[in-house]
Every structure is written in structure tokens, then in C-alpha cells.
Amino acid sequence: MRNILAGAALAVLLLLALVVGLAWAPDRPVDDLKARWATPPSVFVPLQGMNVHLRDEGVAGDDPPILLLHGTSASLHTWDGWVHALAPTRRVIRVDLPGFGLTGPFPHDDYHVTRYVAFVIELLDSLEVPSAIIAGNSFGGQLAWELATAAPERVAALILVDAAGYPMAPESIPIGFRIALNPYLQHVVTRVLPRRMVEASVHDVYGDPARVTEELVDRYYELALREGNRRALGLRLEQAVNHEARAARITTITQPTLVLWGGRDRLIPTANASRFAQDIAGSRLVIFDGLGHVAHEEDPEATAAAVLAFLDELQGT
């Protein structure tokens, strides 16, 4: 019996070693990722002790330009479709926020939204942009409206795409977020990252998972491996704040606002979209029934069309 138990234990250990070996994924230096993910017109700008990855495209003299802010675990590439639609007539700036993409972590462990607001203001200053139309998805959407309340003179208009900010009751949380929030697994996930876990997380935020391509999963997976990003994700999620006291500031927003939402968003339900539309006077709400949490990425053509109509209205006023 002892020999049988010993053999079974050895088999389990070998199986675990195989699983870990297949999923072993140490941090990758940023220079190893640039060839694929920092092609022109990508540039790196020194800011707050980081080399910030950004792209500044479109009509150089356009004022105010559009600044695009991605969500948690995403990157500036999530806006590729919007840039294709907007850049022929507008100046479009997009950035890898600290802790994500090729920018990598803050040189400190403060990932509160107030720190991100200060970062965006300094970024606008460095680009000599006094005011911009700020568009953001998920956490980037929260960052957009937080900026509008903290420094309203820097925000000409808002475009909120499945934005965070209110307390929420998710129907489903991507497995990558759940693991990053688990203190017992945080250290493990900085060394081991199954690609299938990333794929499952991307499927979870799409209304139609059939739209998820291998290249899309590659992007999320490889940029998650950028040195420091996995640790930063855990800290960002730990320090996230979504409560009624902070959300009350949303009612003070006076900038023209477009609220876009995926009707199949299982992370931030459409009830939150209605709250934004109700609390921001004069705002417009557009819901895309078949799309999920990253509506701008899942169907850039349809969502960008709504943005272009909104921008036309702004020009006409």
C-alpha cells in the first residue's frame, strides 16, 4: 500500500511540475517586447521616472485633441479601431497607463486613482495640451471623469465607455482579476501565467467571444509579462475605490458627455450606464446590445460612429 501511495504522490508531483513548466512565464524586459508592440508611431516619453509609451496621431493642429485612456490590464492598442476612424480628421493621443502595457509600473507602489489623475495632468503638460476631449474605458473611464472633477479646465468633453466609478455587482469577474486579488496567489502569478487563463479573461469581457482572435490574446498575454506589470495589477486592484461618497462627485460634471455601453457587459452592468446618464446633466447614453465590457475594442466601427456623431455635435455648438 505504501508503494502505491508513494507512486500516486509522485505522479501528482510530476503532473504539477509539468503544469507549472508549461505555464512558467517570468517577466520579460520591455526591450524584448518593443519590436512587436512599439512599432511606429510609438514613442517613449520620460515622465515621473518612467519611459511612457504613447502614440500621437492624426491632425497635428486639431484643438482640442482626443486623449484615449484604456482600462485595467489593457494597453493603448485597445484603441486601434477608434484611431483608424478618428485620425483622418482629429488629433488622437493614446498612452499606456502606468502599471500596464510597455510603460510598466510606477516607481512607487501608489496606484490610487488620484495618483493617476496627477499623471495625466503632467502628461498633458508635457505635450503642451491645455485641454482635451477625454475618452476612457473601464478604469480609464473612471480616470476620465475623476480628471473632469479634479481639473475641469483640462477636460473639454467626456466619452465614457463602460466606465468604472459606481459601486457595482458584477455578473462575472475575469479569472485574471480574481487571481490578482488573491494575496496567496499574487506571488505565484508573477512567475506562472497560463495563456489559457488570459484567453478566458478576454473571452469574459467580450459580448461575443467569437470575435476574440489569437493575435488579440497574444497582445494581452505578452504585455501582461512586461516586467513589473503583474505585481502592479495586484496593487492597482487592491487600491481601487468605487463607493458612493466618491461617486457623488459625478453629479458635478458639467462637460458635454457621451456614455457608451455594451449591453452584454458582465463586469459593470448596464444599470451603471443609466446612473452615469442620470447623474451627468445633458449627457447622452448609447447602449450596444451585442457588445461586452470593451465595446470600443469589440466593435470599433459601430462605437466610433457614435463618437464621430458626438464630435460633430460639439463642433456645431
C-alpha atoms as a PDB file:
ATOM      1  CA  MET A   1       0.000   0.000   0.000  1.00  0.00           C
ATOM      2  CA  ARG A   2       2.831   2.370   0.875  1.00  0.00           C
ATOM      3  CA  ASN A   3       4.380   1.819  -2.539  1.00  0.00           C
ATOM      4  CA  ILE A   4       1.044   2.559  -4.223  1.00  0.00           C
ATOM      5  CA  LEU A   5       0.570   5.782  -2.229  1.00  0.00           C
ATOM      6  CA  ALA A   6       4.150   6.843  -2.894  1.00  0.00           C
ATOM      7  CA  GLY A   7       3.695   6.182  -6.589  1.00  0.00           C
ATOM      8  CA  ALA A   8       0.438   8.180  -6.670  1.00  0.00           C
ATOM      9  CA  ALA A   9       2.064  11.095  -4.837  1.00  0.00           C
ATOM     10  CA  LEU A  10       4.990  11.049  -7.241  1.00  0.00           C
ATOM     11  CA  ALA A  11       2.597  11.056 -10.204  1.00  0.00           C
ATOM     12  CA  VAL A  12       0.758  14.083  -8.776  1.00  0.00           C
ATOM     13  CA  LEU A  13       4.031  15.916  -8.209  1.00  0.00           C
ATOM     14  CA  LEU A  14       5.183  15.155 -11.738  1.00  0.00           C
ATOM     15  CA  LEU A  15       1.859  16.364 -13.107  1.00  0.00           C
ATOM     16  CA  LEU A  16       2.111  19.592 -11.106  1.00  0.00           C
ATOM     17  CA  ALA A  17       5.681  20.074 -12.290  1.00  0.00           C
ATOM     18  CA  LEU A  18       4.540  19.607 -15.876  1.00  0.00           C
ATOM     19  CA  VAL A  19       1.693  22.105 -15.479  1.00  0.00           C
ATOM     20  CA  VAL A  20       3.987  24.680 -13.864  1.00  0.00           C
ATOM     21  CA  GLY A  21       6.619  24.068 -16.516  1.00  0.00           C
ATOM     22  CA  LEU A  22       4.168  24.630 -19.341  1.00  0.00           C
ATOM     23  CA  ALA A  23       2.790  27.789 -17.713  1.00  0.00           C
ATOM     24  CA  TRP A  24       6.131  29.131 -16.472  1.00  0.00           C
ATOM     25  CA  ALA A  25       6.282  32.739 -17.596  1.00  0.00           C
ATOM     26  CA  PRO A  26       8.858  35.028 -15.957  1.00  0.00           C
ATOM     27  CA  ASP A  27       8.835  38.758 -16.523  1.00  0.00           C
ATOM     28  CA  ARG A  28      10.033  39.915 -19.928  1.00  0.00           C
ATOM     29  CA  PRO A  29      12.208  43.025 -20.361  1.00  0.00           C
ATOM     30  CA  VAL A  30      10.439  45.852 -22.143  1.00  0.00           C
ATOM     31  CA  ASP A  31      13.090  45.896 -24.872  1.00  0.00           C
ATOM     32  CA  ASP A  32      12.112  42.337 -25.821  1.00  0.00           C
ATOM     33  CA  LEU A  33       8.524  43.450 -26.433  1.00  0.00           C
ATOM     34  CA  LYS A  34       9.112  46.655 -28.347  1.00  0.00           C
ATOM     35  CA  ALA A  35       9.673  45.086 -31.770  1.00  0.00           C
ATOM     36  CA  ARG A  36       6.116  43.785 -31.892  1.00  0.00           C
ATOM     37  CA  TRP A  37       4.194  46.236 -29.728  1.00  0.00           C
ATOM     38  CA  ALA A  38       6.001  49.576 -30.162  1.00  0.00           C
ATOM     39  CA  THR A  39       6.053  49.951 -33.929  1.00  0.00           C
ATOM     40  CA  PRO A  40       5.799  53.480 -35.385  1.00  0.00           C
ATOM     41  CA  PRO A  41       4.326  55.884 -34.468  1.00  0.00           C
ATOM     42  CA  SER A  42       5.072  54.709 -30.909  1.00  0.00           C
ATOM     43  CA  VAL A  43       7.373  56.932 -28.854  1.00  0.00           C
ATOM     44  CA  PHE A  44       8.628  56.782 -25.268  1.00  0.00           C
ATOM     45  CA  VAL A  45       8.459  59.957 -23.202  1.00  0.00           C
ATOM     46  CA  PRO A  46      10.292  60.329 -19.865  1.00  0.00           C
ATOM     47  CA  LEU A  47       7.750  61.233 -17.196  1.00  0.00           C
ATOM     48  CA  GLN A  48       7.630  60.715 -13.419  1.00  0.00           C
ATOM     49  CA  GLY A  49      10.589  58.341 -13.517  1.00  0.00           C
ATOM     50  CA  MET A  50       9.118  56.177 -16.290  1.00  0.00           C
ATOM     51  CA  ASN A  51       9.503  55.890 -20.043  1.00  0.00           C
ATOM     52  CA  VAL A  52       5.874  56.324 -21.005  1.00  0.00           C
ATOM     53  CA  HIS A  53       4.703  54.587 -24.164  1.00  0.00           C
ATOM     54  CA  LEU A  54       2.369  56.749 -26.250  1.00  0.00           C
ATOM     55  CA  ARG A  55       1.180  57.445 -29.781  1.00  0.00           C
ATOM     56  CA  ASP A  56       0.220  60.913 -31.034  1.00  0.00           C
ATOM     57  CA  GLU A  57      -1.535  60.619 -34.398  1.00  0.00           C
ATOM     58  CA  GLY A  58      -3.873  62.373 -36.790  1.00  0.00           C
ATOM     59  CA  VAL A  59      -4.292  66.089 -37.488  1.00  0.00           C
ATOM     60  CA  ALA A  60      -1.475  67.914 -35.696  1.00  0.00           C
ATOM     61  CA  GLY A  61      -3.273  71.260 -35.363  1.00  0.00           C
ATOM     62  CA  ASP A  62      -6.546  69.858 -34.054  1.00  0.00           C
ATOM     63  CA  ASP A  63      -7.675  71.589 -30.865  1.00  0.00           C
ATOM     64  CA  PRO A  64      -8.781  70.167 -28.527  1.00  0.00           C
ATOM     65  CA  PRO A  65      -7.230  66.773 -29.258  1.00  0.00           C
ATOM     66  CA  ILE A  66      -8.704  63.480 -28.086  1.00  0.00           C
ATOM     67  CA  LEU A  67      -6.933  61.565 -25.311  1.00  0.00           C
ATOM     68  CA  LEU A  68      -7.769  57.854 -25.037  1.00  0.00           C
ATOM     69  CA  LEU A  69      -7.354  56.044 -21.688  1.00  0.00           C
ATOM     70  CA  HIS A  70      -7.519  52.245 -21.567  1.00  0.00           C
ATOM     71  CA  GLY A  71      -8.789  50.039 -18.769  1.00  0.00           C
ATOM     72  CA  THR A  72      -7.134  47.671 -16.315  1.00  0.00           C
ATOM     73  CA  SER A  73      -4.785  45.130 -17.957  1.00  0.00           C
ATOM     74  CA  ALA A  74      -5.245  46.722 -21.382  1.00  0.00           C
ATOM     75  CA  SER A  75      -2.916  48.949 -23.416  1.00  0.00           C
ATOM     76  CA  LEU A  76      -3.064  51.748 -25.969  1.00  0.00           C
ATOM     77  CA  HIS A  77      -3.573  49.088 -28.674  1.00  0.00           C
ATOM     78  CA  THR A  78      -7.152  48.596 -27.485  1.00  0.00           C
ATOM     79  CA  TRP A  79      -7.981  51.833 -29.347  1.00  0.00           C
ATOM     80  CA  ASP A  80      -6.593  50.795 -32.753  1.00  0.00           C
ATOM     81  CA  GLY A  81     -10.038  50.767 -34.365  1.00  0.00           C
ATOM     82  CA  TRP A  82     -11.011  54.165 -32.996  1.00  0.00           C
ATOM     83  CA  VAL A  83      -7.756  55.725 -34.143  1.00  0.00           C
ATOM     84  CA  HIS A  84      -8.371  54.393 -37.642  1.00  0.00           C
ATOM     85  CA  ALA A  85     -11.776  56.114 -37.641  1.00  0.00           C
ATOM     86  CA  LEU A  86     -10.832  59.353 -35.857  1.00  0.00           C
ATOM     87  CA  ALA A  87      -7.296  60.182 -37.014  1.00  0.00           C
ATOM     88  CA  PRO A  88      -8.246  61.333 -40.546  1.00  0.00           C
ATOM     89  CA  THR A  89      -9.970  64.399 -39.046  1.00  0.00           C
ATOM     90  CA  ARG A  90      -8.750  64.656 -35.433  1.00  0.00           C
ATOM     91  CA  ARG A  91      -5.575  64.594 -33.371  1.00  0.00           C
ATOM     92  CA  VAL A  92      -5.669  61.425 -31.270  1.00  0.00           C
ATOM     93  CA  ILE A  93      -3.326  60.724 -28.352  1.00  0.00           C
ATOM     94  CA  ARG A  94      -3.238  57.370 -26.570  1.00  0.00           C
ATOM     95  CA  VAL A  95      -0.993  56.124 -23.802  1.00  0.00           C
ATOM     96  CA  ASP A  96      -0.068  53.004 -21.872  1.00  0.00           C
ATOM     97  CA  LEU A  97      -1.052  53.969 -18.340  1.00  0.00           C
ATOM     98  CA  PRO A  98       1.453  53.211 -15.544  1.00  0.00           C
ATOM     99  CA  GLY A  99       1.315  49.577 -14.498  1.00  0.00           C
ATOM    100  CA  PHE A 100       0.218  48.389 -17.932  1.00  0.00           C
ATOM    101  CA  GLY A 101       1.431  47.932 -21.485  1.00  0.00           C
ATOM    102  CA  LEU A 102       5.008  48.934 -22.225  1.00  0.00           C
ATOM    103  CA  THR A 103       5.065  51.847 -19.763  1.00  0.00           C
ATOM    104  CA  GLY A 104       5.295  49.453 -16.839  1.00  0.00           C
ATOM    105  CA  PRO A 105       4.923  50.164 -13.129  1.00  0.00           C
ATOM    106  CA  PHE A 106       5.041  53.424 -11.235  1.00  0.00           C
ATOM    107  CA  PRO A 107       8.397  53.853  -9.443  1.00  0.00           C
ATOM    108  CA  HIS A 108       6.419  53.589  -6.177  1.00  0.00           C
ATOM    109  CA  ASP A 109       3.528  51.421  -5.006  1.00  0.00           C
ATOM    110  CA  ASP A 110       0.786  54.064  -5.078  1.00  0.00           C
ATOM    111  CA  TYR A 111      -1.852  53.080  -7.637  1.00  0.00           C
ATOM    112  CA  HIS A 112      -4.749  55.108  -6.259  1.00  0.00           C
ATOM    113  CA  VAL A 113      -6.806  56.963  -8.835  1.00  0.00           C
ATOM    114  CA  THR A 114      -5.602  60.332  -7.506  1.00  0.00           C
ATOM    115  CA  ARG A 115      -2.052  59.352  -8.479  1.00  0.00           C
ATOM    116  CA  TYR A 116      -3.246  58.533 -11.985  1.00  0.00           C
ATOM    117  CA  VAL A 117      -5.046  61.889 -12.224  1.00  0.00           C
ATOM    118  CA  ALA A 118      -1.787  63.659 -11.376  1.00  0.00           C
ATOM    119  CA  PHE A 119      -0.020  61.545 -14.013  1.00  0.00           C
ATOM    120  CA  VAL A 120      -2.491  62.501 -16.769  1.00  0.00           C
ATOM    121  CA  ILE A 121      -2.246  66.197 -15.911  1.00  0.00           C
ATOM    122  CA  GLU A 122       1.546  66.036 -16.121  1.00  0.00           C
ATOM    123  CA  LEU A 123       1.275  64.111 -19.398  1.00  0.00           C
ATOM    124  CA  LEU A 124      -0.957  66.836 -20.879  1.00  0.00           C
ATOM    125  CA  ASP A 125       1.513  69.462 -19.661  1.00  0.00           C
ATOM    126  CA  SER A 126       4.415  67.640 -21.304  1.00  0.00           C
ATOM    127  CA  LEU A 127       2.508  67.526 -24.604  1.00  0.00           C
ATOM    128  CA  GLU A 128       1.531  71.211 -24.230  1.00  0.00           C
ATOM    129  CA  VAL A 129      -2.156  70.307 -24.331  1.00  0.00           C
ATOM    130  CA  PRO A 130      -4.146  72.725 -22.151  1.00  0.00           C
ATOM    131  CA  SER A 131      -7.449  70.891 -22.638  1.00  0.00           C
ATOM    132  CA  ALA A 132      -8.560  67.649 -24.286  1.00  0.00           C
ATOM    133  CA  ILE A 133     -11.582  65.522 -25.029  1.00  0.00           C
ATOM    134  CA  ILE A 134     -11.004  62.595 -22.688  1.00  0.00           C
ATOM    135  CA  ALA A 135     -12.294  59.148 -23.594  1.00  0.00           C
ATOM    136  CA  GLY A 136     -11.828  56.172 -21.280  1.00  0.00           C
ATOM    137  CA  ASN A 137     -12.877  52.570 -20.883  1.00  0.00           C
ATOM    138  CA  SER A 138     -13.481  50.860 -17.534  1.00  0.00           C
ATOM    139  CA  PHE A 139     -10.783  52.156 -15.138  1.00  0.00           C
ATOM    140  CA  GLY A 140      -9.751  54.592 -17.887  1.00  0.00           C
ATOM    141  CA  GLY A 141     -13.340  55.857 -17.848  1.00  0.00           C
ATOM    142  CA  GLN A 142     -13.141  56.433 -14.116  1.00  0.00           C
ATOM    143  CA  LEU A 143      -9.857  58.223 -14.586  1.00  0.00           C
ATOM    144  CA  ALA A 144     -11.514  60.421 -17.235  1.00  0.00           C
ATOM    145  CA  TRP A 145     -14.385  61.560 -15.028  1.00  0.00           C
ATOM    146  CA  GLU A 146     -12.119  61.907 -11.978  1.00  0.00           C
ATOM    147  CA  LEU A 147      -9.967  64.271 -14.046  1.00  0.00           C
ATOM    148  CA  ALA A 148     -13.079  66.198 -15.099  1.00  0.00           C
ATOM    149  CA  THR A 149     -13.981  66.778 -11.442  1.00  0.00           C
ATOM    150  CA  ALA A 150     -10.444  67.429 -10.153  1.00  0.00           C
ATOM    151  CA  ALA A 151      -9.269  69.689 -13.006  1.00  0.00           C
ATOM    152  CA  PRO A 152     -12.333  70.634 -15.092  1.00  0.00           C
ATOM    153  CA  GLU A 153     -10.375  73.201 -17.099  1.00  0.00           C
ATOM    154  CA  ARG A 154      -8.329  70.340 -18.614  1.00  0.00           C
ATOM    155  CA  VAL A 155     -11.375  68.444 -19.929  1.00  0.00           C
ATOM    156  CA  ALA A 156     -13.341  69.826 -22.891  1.00  0.00           C
ATOM    157  CA  ALA A 157     -15.687  66.837 -23.113  1.00  0.00           C
ATOM    158  CA  LEU A 158     -16.032  63.273 -21.852  1.00  0.00           C
ATOM    159  CA  ILE A 159     -16.586  59.941 -23.576  1.00  0.00           C
ATOM    160  CA  LEU A 160     -17.180  57.154 -21.063  1.00  0.00           C
ATOM    161  CA  VAL A 161     -17.065  53.550 -22.319  1.00  0.00           C
ATOM    162  CA  ASP A 162     -18.294  51.002 -19.753  1.00  0.00           C
ATOM    163  CA  ALA A 163     -16.726  53.238 -17.124  1.00  0.00           C
ATOM    164  CA  ALA A 164     -15.961  52.351 -13.521  1.00  0.00           C
ATOM    165  CA  GLY A 165     -16.839  54.604 -10.621  1.00  0.00           C
ATOM    166  CA  TYR A 166     -20.079  53.486  -9.024  1.00  0.00           C
ATOM    167  CA  PRO A 167     -20.393  50.504  -6.682  1.00  0.00           C
ATOM    168  CA  MET A 168     -21.198  47.509  -8.853  1.00  0.00           C
ATOM    169  CA  ALA A 169     -22.451  43.946  -8.648  1.00  0.00           C
ATOM    170  CA  PRO A 170     -20.589  42.036 -11.364  1.00  0.00           C
ATOM    171  CA  GLU A 171     -22.249  39.095 -13.014  1.00  0.00           C
ATOM    172  CA  SER A 172     -18.794  37.730 -13.826  1.00  0.00           C
ATOM    173  CA  ILE A 173     -15.232  38.769 -12.945  1.00  0.00           C
ATOM    174  CA  PRO A 174     -12.407  37.685 -15.280  1.00  0.00           C
ATOM    175  CA  ILE A 175     -10.310  34.947 -13.720  1.00  0.00           C
ATOM    176  CA  GLY A 176      -7.157  37.019 -14.133  1.00  0.00           C
ATOM    177  CA  PHE A 177      -8.609  39.723 -11.878  1.00  0.00           C
ATOM    178  CA  ARG A 178      -9.772  37.174  -9.291  1.00  0.00           C
ATOM    179  CA  ILE A 179      -6.318  35.636  -9.057  1.00  0.00           C
ATOM    180  CA  ALA A 180      -4.594  39.038  -8.920  1.00  0.00           C
ATOM    181  CA  LEU A 181      -6.784  39.935  -5.929  1.00  0.00           C
ATOM    182  CA  ASN A 182      -5.883  36.753  -4.029  1.00  0.00           C
ATOM    183  CA  PRO A 183      -2.919  37.501  -1.718  1.00  0.00           C
ATOM    184  CA  TYR A 184      -1.941  33.817  -1.641  1.00  0.00           C
ATOM    185  CA  LEU A 185      -1.718  33.598  -5.430  1.00  0.00           C
ATOM    186  CA  GLN A 186      -0.244  37.025  -6.250  1.00  0.00           C
ATOM    187  CA  HIS A 187       3.356  35.828  -5.870  1.00  0.00           C
ATOM    188  CA  VAL A 188       2.691  32.714  -7.949  1.00  0.00           C
ATOM    189  CA  VAL A 189       1.094  34.647 -10.805  1.00  0.00           C
ATOM    190  CA  THR A 190       4.202  36.822 -11.133  1.00  0.00           C
ATOM    191  CA  ARG A 191       6.076  33.665 -12.197  1.00  0.00           C
ATOM    192  CA  VAL A 192       3.381  31.465 -13.732  1.00  0.00           C
ATOM    193  CA  LEU A 193       0.803  32.670 -16.246  1.00  0.00           C
ATOM    194  CA  PRO A 194      -1.108  30.163 -18.361  1.00  0.00           C
ATOM    195  CA  ARG A 195      -2.010  31.674 -21.708  1.00  0.00           C
ATOM    196  CA  ARG A 196      -5.392  29.945 -21.451  1.00  0.00           C
ATOM    197  CA  MET A 197      -6.165  31.998 -18.340  1.00  0.00           C
ATOM    198  CA  VAL A 198      -5.558  35.203 -20.257  1.00  0.00           C
ATOM    199  CA  GLU A 199      -7.665  33.893 -23.130  1.00  0.00           C
ATOM    200  CA  ALA A 200     -10.522  33.067 -20.739  1.00  0.00           C
ATOM    201  CA  SER A 201     -10.320  36.555 -19.224  1.00  0.00           C
ATOM    202  CA  VAL A 202     -10.539  38.221 -22.646  1.00  0.00           C
ATOM    203  CA  HIS A 203     -13.484  35.996 -23.600  1.00  0.00           C
ATOM    204  CA  ASP A 204     -15.192  37.059 -20.380  1.00  0.00           C
ATOM    205  CA  VAL A 205     -15.197  40.760 -21.284  1.00  0.00           C
ATOM    206  CA  TYR A 206     -16.434  40.271 -24.850  1.00  0.00           C
ATOM    207  CA  GLY A 207     -20.133  40.120 -25.646  1.00  0.00           C
ATOM    208  CA  ASP A 208     -19.347  37.694 -28.456  1.00  0.00           C
ATOM    209  CA  PRO A 209     -16.245  35.612 -27.633  1.00  0.00           C
ATOM    210  CA  ALA A 210     -16.084  34.517 -31.274  1.00  0.00           C
ATOM    211  CA  ARG A 211     -14.629  37.972 -32.011  1.00  0.00           C
ATOM    212  CA  VAL A 212     -11.536  37.172 -29.910  1.00  0.00           C
ATOM    213  CA  THR A 213      -8.567  36.374 -32.164  1.00  0.00           C
ATOM    214  CA  GLU A 214      -5.269  34.645 -31.445  1.00  0.00           C
ATOM    215  CA  GLU A 215      -3.394  37.895 -32.066  1.00  0.00           C
ATOM    216  CA  LEU A 216      -5.627  39.681 -29.556  1.00  0.00           C
ATOM    217  CA  VAL A 217      -4.865  37.078 -26.895  1.00  0.00           C
ATOM    218  CA  ASP A 218      -1.167  37.309 -27.777  1.00  0.00           C
ATOM    219  CA  ARG A 219      -1.272  41.034 -27.119  1.00  0.00           C
ATOM    220  CA  TYR A 220      -2.899  40.784 -23.711  1.00  0.00           C
ATOM    221  CA  TYR A 221      -0.680  37.854 -22.738  1.00  0.00           C
ATOM    222  CA  GLU A 222       2.660  39.280 -23.849  1.00  0.00           C
ATOM    223  CA  LEU A 223       2.056  42.742 -22.400  1.00  0.00           C
ATOM    224  CA  ALA A 224       0.999  41.173 -19.089  1.00  0.00           C
ATOM    225  CA  LEU A 225       4.514  39.679 -18.973  1.00  0.00           C
ATOM    226  CA  ARG A 226       6.193  43.084 -19.213  1.00  0.00           C
ATOM    227  CA  GLU A 227       8.430  43.279 -16.154  1.00  0.00           C
ATOM    228  CA  GLY A 228       6.543  44.626 -13.147  1.00  0.00           C
ATOM    229  CA  ASN A 229       3.067  44.609 -14.684  1.00  0.00           C
ATOM    230  CA  ARG A 230       1.696  41.587 -12.826  1.00  0.00           C
ATOM    231  CA  ARG A 231       2.704  42.925  -9.437  1.00  0.00           C
ATOM    232  CA  ALA A 232       1.307  46.340 -10.387  1.00  0.00           C
ATOM    233  CA  LEU A 233      -2.036  44.749 -11.307  1.00  0.00           C
ATOM    234  CA  GLY A 234      -2.445  43.293  -7.838  1.00  0.00           C
ATOM    235  CA  LEU A 235      -1.646  46.628  -6.230  1.00  0.00           C
ATOM    236  CA  ARG A 236      -3.984  48.511  -8.605  1.00  0.00           C
ATOM    237  CA  LEU A 237      -6.906  46.225  -7.804  1.00  0.00           C
ATOM    238  CA  GLU A 238      -6.218  46.348  -4.058  1.00  0.00           C
ATOM    239  CA  GLN A 239      -6.250  50.149  -4.127  1.00  0.00           C
ATOM    240  CA  ALA A 240      -9.296  50.545  -6.383  1.00  0.00           C
ATOM    241  CA  VAL A 241     -12.050  52.675  -4.877  1.00  0.00           C
ATOM    242  CA  ASN A 242     -15.674  52.520  -6.016  1.00  0.00           C
ATOM    243  CA  HIS A 243     -18.009  53.839  -3.338  1.00  0.00           C
ATOM    244  CA  GLU A 244     -20.979  56.153  -3.099  1.00  0.00           C
ATOM    245  CA  ALA A 245     -19.090  59.032  -1.456  1.00  0.00           C
ATOM    246  CA  ARG A 246     -16.619  59.253  -4.325  1.00  0.00           C
ATOM    247  CA  ALA A 247     -19.252  58.590  -6.987  1.00  0.00           C
ATOM    248  CA  ALA A 248     -21.257  61.555  -5.676  1.00  0.00           C
ATOM    249  CA  ARG A 249     -18.737  63.801  -7.434  1.00  0.00           C
ATOM    250  CA  ILE A 250     -20.057  62.588 -10.784  1.00  0.00           C
ATOM    251  CA  THR A 251     -23.101  64.839 -10.370  1.00  0.00           C
ATOM    252  CA  THR A 252     -20.800  67.888 -10.502  1.00  0.00           C
ATOM    253  CA  ILE A 253     -19.641  67.156 -14.066  1.00  0.00           C
ATOM    254  CA  THR A 254     -20.716  69.869 -16.499  1.00  0.00           C
ATOM    255  CA  GLN A 255     -18.729  68.929 -19.608  1.00  0.00           C
ATOM    256  CA  PRO A 256     -20.590  67.520 -22.619  1.00  0.00           C
ATOM    257  CA  THR A 257     -20.610  63.761 -22.065  1.00  0.00           C
ATOM    258  CA  LEU A 258     -21.239  60.706 -24.210  1.00  0.00           C
ATOM    259  CA  VAL A 259     -21.828  57.425 -22.364  1.00  0.00           C
ATOM    260  CA  LEU A 260     -21.272  54.252 -24.417  1.00  0.00           C
ATOM    261  CA  TRP A 261     -22.007  50.797 -23.005  1.00  0.00           C
ATOM    262  CA  GLY A 262     -22.041  47.174 -24.018  1.00  0.00           C
ATOM    263  CA  GLY A 263     -25.414  45.601 -23.320  1.00  0.00           C
ATOM    264  CA  ARG A 264     -23.672  42.306 -22.520  1.00  0.00           C
ATOM    265  CA  ASP A 265     -21.183  43.815 -20.063  1.00  0.00           C
ATOM    266  CA  ARG A 266     -20.996  41.255 -17.261  1.00  0.00           C
ATOM    267  CA  LEU A 267     -18.366  43.140 -15.244  1.00  0.00           C
ATOM    268  CA  ILE A 268     -20.048  46.563 -14.954  1.00  0.00           C
ATOM    269  CA  PRO A 269     -23.783  46.118 -15.602  1.00  0.00           C
ATOM    270  CA  THR A 270     -25.838  48.497 -17.724  1.00  0.00           C
ATOM    271  CA  ALA A 271     -27.524  49.782 -14.553  1.00  0.00           C
ATOM    272  CA  ASN A 272     -24.325  51.762 -14.005  1.00  0.00           C
ATOM    273  CA  ALA A 273     -24.624  53.213 -17.503  1.00  0.00           C
ATOM    274  CA  SER A 274     -28.060  54.541 -16.597  1.00  0.00           C
ATOM    275  CA  ARG A 275     -26.644  56.105 -13.431  1.00  0.00           C
ATOM    276  CA  PHE A 276     -23.997  57.982 -15.411  1.00  0.00           C
ATOM    277  CA  ALA A 277     -26.634  59.221 -17.850  1.00  0.00           C
ATOM    278  CA  GLN A 278     -28.885  60.291 -14.996  1.00  0.00           C
ATOM    279  CA  ASP A 279     -26.209  61.955 -12.866  1.00  0.00           C
ATOM    280  CA  ILE A 280     -24.421  63.907 -15.627  1.00  0.00           C
ATOM    281  CA  ALA A 281     -26.781  66.629 -16.811  1.00  0.00           C
ATOM    282  CA  GLY A 282     -27.255  66.728 -20.567  1.00  0.00           C
ATOM    283  CA  SER A 283     -25.303  63.532 -21.224  1.00  0.00           C
ATOM    284  CA  ARG A 284     -26.206  61.085 -23.982  1.00  0.00           C
ATOM    285  CA  LEU A 285     -26.354  57.312 -23.487  1.00  0.00           C
ATOM    286  CA  VAL A 286     -25.876  54.770 -26.288  1.00  0.00           C
ATOM    287  CA  ILE A 287     -26.097  51.044 -25.496  1.00  0.00           C
ATOM    288  CA  PHE A 288     -24.805  48.436 -27.955  1.00  0.00           C
ATOM    289  CA  ASP A 289     -26.873  45.355 -27.222  1.00  0.00           C
ATOM    290  CA  GLY A 290     -24.467  42.714 -28.516  1.00  0.00           C
ATOM    291  CA  LEU A 291     -21.229  44.065 -27.060  1.00  0.00           C
ATOM    292  CA  GLY A 292     -19.437  43.456 -23.782  1.00  0.00           C
ATOM    293  CA  HIS A 293     -17.195  45.376 -21.400  1.00  0.00           C
ATOM    294  CA  VAL A 294     -14.701  46.563 -24.024  1.00  0.00           C
ATOM    295  CA  ALA A 295     -17.286  47.746 -26.544  1.00  0.00           C
ATOM    296  CA  HIS A 296     -14.813  50.088 -28.295  1.00  0.00           C
ATOM    297  CA  GLU A 297     -12.448  47.186 -28.992  1.00  0.00           C
ATOM    298  CA  GLU A 298     -15.062  44.569 -29.810  1.00  0.00           C
ATOM    299  CA  ASP A 299     -16.812  46.697 -32.449  1.00  0.00           C
ATOM    300  CA  PRO A 300     -14.727  49.822 -33.137  1.00  0.00           C
ATOM    301  CA  GLU A 301     -16.689  50.714 -36.273  1.00  0.00           C
ATOM    302  CA  ALA A 302     -20.091  50.991 -34.580  1.00  0.00           C
ATOM    303  CA  THR A 303     -18.815  52.650 -31.406  1.00  0.00           C
ATOM    304  CA  ALA A 304     -16.571  55.108 -33.276  1.00  0.00           C
ATOM    305  CA  ALA A 305     -19.546  56.124 -35.434  1.00  0.00           C
ATOM    306  CA  ALA A 306     -21.340  57.222 -32.257  1.00  0.00           C
ATOM    307  CA  VAL A 307     -18.228  59.164 -31.220  1.00  0.00           C
ATOM    308  CA  LEU A 308     -17.964  60.914 -34.581  1.00  0.00           C
ATOM    309  CA  ALA A 309     -21.621  61.977 -34.342  1.00  0.00           C
ATOM    310  CA  PHE A 310     -20.964  63.324 -30.835  1.00  0.00           C
ATOM    311  CA  LEU A 311     -17.905  65.265 -32.033  1.00  0.00           C
ATOM    312  CA  ASP A 312     -19.901  66.735 -34.924  1.00  0.00           C
ATOM    313  CA  GLU A 313     -22.482  67.976 -32.443  1.00  0.00           C
ATOM    314  CA  LEU A 314     -19.748  69.557 -30.305  1.00  0.00           C
ATOM    315  CA  GLN A 315     -18.411  71.423 -33.328  1.00  0.00           C
ATOM    316  CA  GLY A 316     -21.891  72.655 -34.147  1.00  0.00           C
ATOM    317  CA  THR A 317     -22.464  74.167 -30.722  1.00  0.00           C
END
